[in-house]
Amino acid sequence: MVLQQTVGEVMSAPVLTVTPETPLKDAVTLLSDHHISGVPVVGDDGTLVGELTEQNLMVRESGVDAGPYVMLLDSVIYLRNPLNWDKQVHQVLGNTVADLMSRDSHSCAQSLPLPKAASMLHEKGTQRLIVIDDERRPVGMLTRGDVVRALASAQP
């Protein structure tokens, strides 16, 4: 029964990972070749430090958004803080995973009940949860598709 399954029983494993130093072109190739939309980023010790997703790559391709502004007496007054542009410029010009990755990745334990994981996917508005062990090392991925497949396999 799906309600009694854990994340570890339905997750996809093994998990592909990259490091912050991985060249961006290599990470994009990995995503494309394996038909995945995100990959965990691990540090030298193998622990989770972030996530690189298609959404991170879209920022790079869409460029820098200066945001709304007003012209007043030949002066430009920006209605959003221009200090935020620094991050966007860095992302647009980035060459490594560290330049684009999100540091706030969505993760869970293997022992988490599947209904709780499905709720996390929904509440956080994410496509995937990185499944980690007790040392915060990625051991698998749980996607919305994994949850749907588990539900379908439980149907009589």
Protein backbone atom coordinates (compact mmCIF):
# COMPACT_ATOMS: atom_id res chain seq x y z
CA MET A 1 0.00 0.00 0.00
CA VAL A 2 1.35 3.43 -1.00
CA LEU A 3 0.49 5.01 2.34
CA GLN A 4 2.90 2.64 4.08
CA GLN A 5 5.80 3.09 1.65
CA THR A 6 8.83 5.22 2.42
CA VAL A 7 10.83 7.48 0.17
CA GLY A 8 13.64 4.90 0.12
CA GLU A 9 11.33 2.32 -1.43
CA VAL A 10 10.34 4.42 -4.45
CA MET A 11 13.24 6.83 -4.99
CA SER A 12 15.46 6.71 -8.05
CA ALA A 13 19.00 5.57 -7.26
CA PRO A 14 21.90 5.86 -7.69
CA VAL A 15 21.91 9.63 -7.91
CA LEU A 16 24.07 11.64 -10.30
CA THR A 17 25.93 14.57 -8.71
CA VAL A 18 28.18 17.46 -9.66
CA THR A 19 30.53 19.63 -7.62
CA PRO A 20 30.60 23.43 -7.42
CA GLU A 21 33.78 23.36 -9.54
CA THR A 22 32.15 21.33 -12.36
CA PRO A 23 32.21 23.34 -15.60
CA LEU A 24 28.72 24.51 -16.44
CA LYS A 25 28.85 22.99 -19.92
CA ASP A 26 29.55 19.56 -18.39
CA ALA A 27 26.61 19.90 -16.00
CA VAL A 28 24.27 20.95 -18.81
CA THR A 29 25.41 17.94 -20.84
CA LEU A 30 24.73 15.66 -17.84
CA LEU A 31 21.19 17.03 -17.47
CA SER A 32 20.52 16.69 -21.18
CA ASP A 33 22.05 13.22 -21.66
CA HIS A 34 20.16 11.74 -18.71
CA HIS A 35 16.89 13.62 -19.34
CA ILE A 36 16.79 15.06 -15.83
CA SER A 37 15.78 18.53 -14.69
CA GLY A 38 18.05 18.90 -11.68
CA VAL A 39 21.13 17.48 -10.02
CA PRO A 40 22.50 17.66 -6.45
CA VAL A 41 25.72 19.61 -5.90
CA VAL A 42 28.10 17.99 -3.43
CA GLY A 43 31.21 19.25 -1.67
CA ASP A 44 34.59 17.51 -1.48
CA ASP A 45 33.32 15.30 1.34
CA GLY A 46 30.26 14.19 -0.66
CA THR A 47 27.75 16.14 1.41
CA LEU A 48 24.94 18.12 -0.15
CA VAL A 49 25.77 21.80 -0.64
CA GLY A 50 23.13 22.79 -3.21
CA GLU A 51 21.26 21.95 -6.36
CA LEU A 52 21.52 22.87 -10.03
CA THR A 53 18.19 22.94 -11.85
CA GLU A 54 16.83 23.85 -15.24
CA GLN A 55 15.38 26.94 -13.57
CA ASN A 56 18.89 28.08 -12.58
CA LEU A 57 19.92 27.70 -16.21
CA MET A 58 16.93 29.74 -17.39
CA VAL A 59 18.24 32.71 -15.38
CA ARG A 60 21.46 32.49 -17.35
CA GLU A 61 19.68 32.37 -20.70
CA SER A 62 17.17 35.11 -19.93
CA GLY A 63 19.81 37.68 -18.99
CA VAL A 64 19.82 40.45 -16.42
CA ASP A 65 16.56 42.19 -15.60
CA ALA A 66 17.22 45.79 -14.55
CA GLY A 67 13.67 46.04 -13.28
CA PRO A 68 11.35 49.02 -13.24
CA TYR A 69 12.76 52.51 -13.13
CA VAL A 70 11.65 56.15 -13.36
CA MET A 71 13.38 59.00 -15.17
CA LEU A 72 13.42 62.25 -13.16
CA LEU A 73 15.39 65.32 -14.28
CA ASP A 74 17.77 63.24 -16.41
CA SER A 75 18.35 60.82 -13.54
CA VAL A 76 17.43 57.18 -13.39
CA ILE A 77 15.71 56.05 -10.18
CA TYR A 78 15.47 52.29 -9.90
CA LEU A 79 12.43 50.95 -8.11
CA ARG A 80 14.26 47.77 -7.09
CA ASN A 81 17.57 47.53 -5.29
CA PRO A 82 20.34 47.57 -7.95
CA LEU A 83 22.62 45.65 -5.56
CA ASN A 84 20.61 42.54 -6.45
CA TRP A 85 21.90 42.81 -10.01
CA ASP A 86 25.31 41.60 -8.87
CA LYS A 87 23.96 38.09 -8.33
CA GLN A 88 22.12 38.13 -11.67
CA VAL A 89 25.19 39.37 -13.57
CA HIS A 90 27.30 36.68 -11.88
CA GLN A 91 24.77 34.03 -12.89
CA VAL A 92 24.58 35.23 -16.50
CA LEU A 93 28.36 35.27 -16.87
CA GLY A 94 29.02 32.15 -14.76
CA ASN A 95 31.19 29.31 -15.98
CA THR A 96 30.91 26.79 -13.15
CA VAL A 97 28.07 25.13 -11.26
CA ALA A 98 28.88 27.31 -8.22
CA ASP A 99 27.95 30.40 -10.25
CA LEU A 100 24.36 29.23 -10.85
CA MET A 101 23.44 26.64 -8.23
CA SER A 102 20.85 27.17 -5.52
CA ARG A 103 22.19 26.68 -2.02
CA ASP A 104 18.73 25.99 -0.59
CA SER A 105 18.03 22.53 -1.98
CA HIS A 106 14.96 20.50 -1.08
CA SER A 107 15.92 17.27 0.65
CA CYS A 108 14.47 14.51 2.80
CA ALA A 109 15.45 11.27 4.54
CA GLN A 110 14.96 7.80 3.07
CA SER A 111 12.72 6.87 5.99
CA LEU A 112 10.21 9.66 5.33
CA PRO A 113 6.73 8.25 4.63
CA LEU A 114 5.72 8.72 0.99
CA PRO A 115 2.58 10.78 1.79
CA LYS A 116 4.72 13.30 3.74
CA ALA A 117 7.18 13.50 0.85
CA ALA A 118 4.32 14.09 -1.61
CA SER A 119 3.10 16.87 0.65
CA MET A 120 6.60 18.42 0.71
CA LEU A 121 6.80 18.31 -3.09
CA HIS A 122 3.47 20.09 -3.31
CA GLU A 123 4.05 22.67 -0.55
CA LYS A 124 7.54 23.62 -1.72
CA GLY A 125 6.45 23.74 -5.37
CA THR A 126 9.41 21.65 -6.45
CA GLN A 127 9.78 18.82 -8.95
CA ARG A 128 12.18 16.75 -6.86
CA LEU A 129 13.49 16.02 -3.40
CA ILE A 130 17.11 15.01 -2.90
CA VAL A 131 17.16 11.95 -0.65
CA ILE A 132 20.04 12.13 1.82
CA ASP A 133 21.58 9.81 4.41
CA ASP A 134 22.46 10.71 8.00
CA GLU A 135 25.68 12.43 6.86
CA ARG A 136 23.78 14.60 4.31
CA ARG A 137 25.15 12.65 1.34
CA PRO A 138 22.74 12.22 -1.58
CA VAL A 139 21.60 8.61 -2.00
CA GLY A 140 18.69 9.09 -4.40
CA MET A 141 16.08 11.39 -5.88
CA LEU A 142 12.33 11.41 -5.40
CA THR A 143 10.41 13.10 -8.20
CA ARG A 144 6.74 13.78 -8.66
CA GLY A 145 6.85 11.05 -11.31
CA ASP A 146 8.12 8.55 -8.74
CA VAL A 147 5.14 9.33 -6.51
CA VAL A 148 2.68 8.97 -9.40
CA ARG A 149 4.25 5.64 -10.41
CA ALA A 150 3.94 4.39 -6.82
CA LEU A 151 0.28 5.39 -6.79
CA ALA A 152 -0.34 3.70 -10.14
CA SER A 153 1.34 0.45 -9.05
CA ALA A 154 -0.90 0.34 -5.97
CA GLN A 155 -4.09 0.44 -8.04
CA PRO A 156 -5.95 -2.92 -8.16
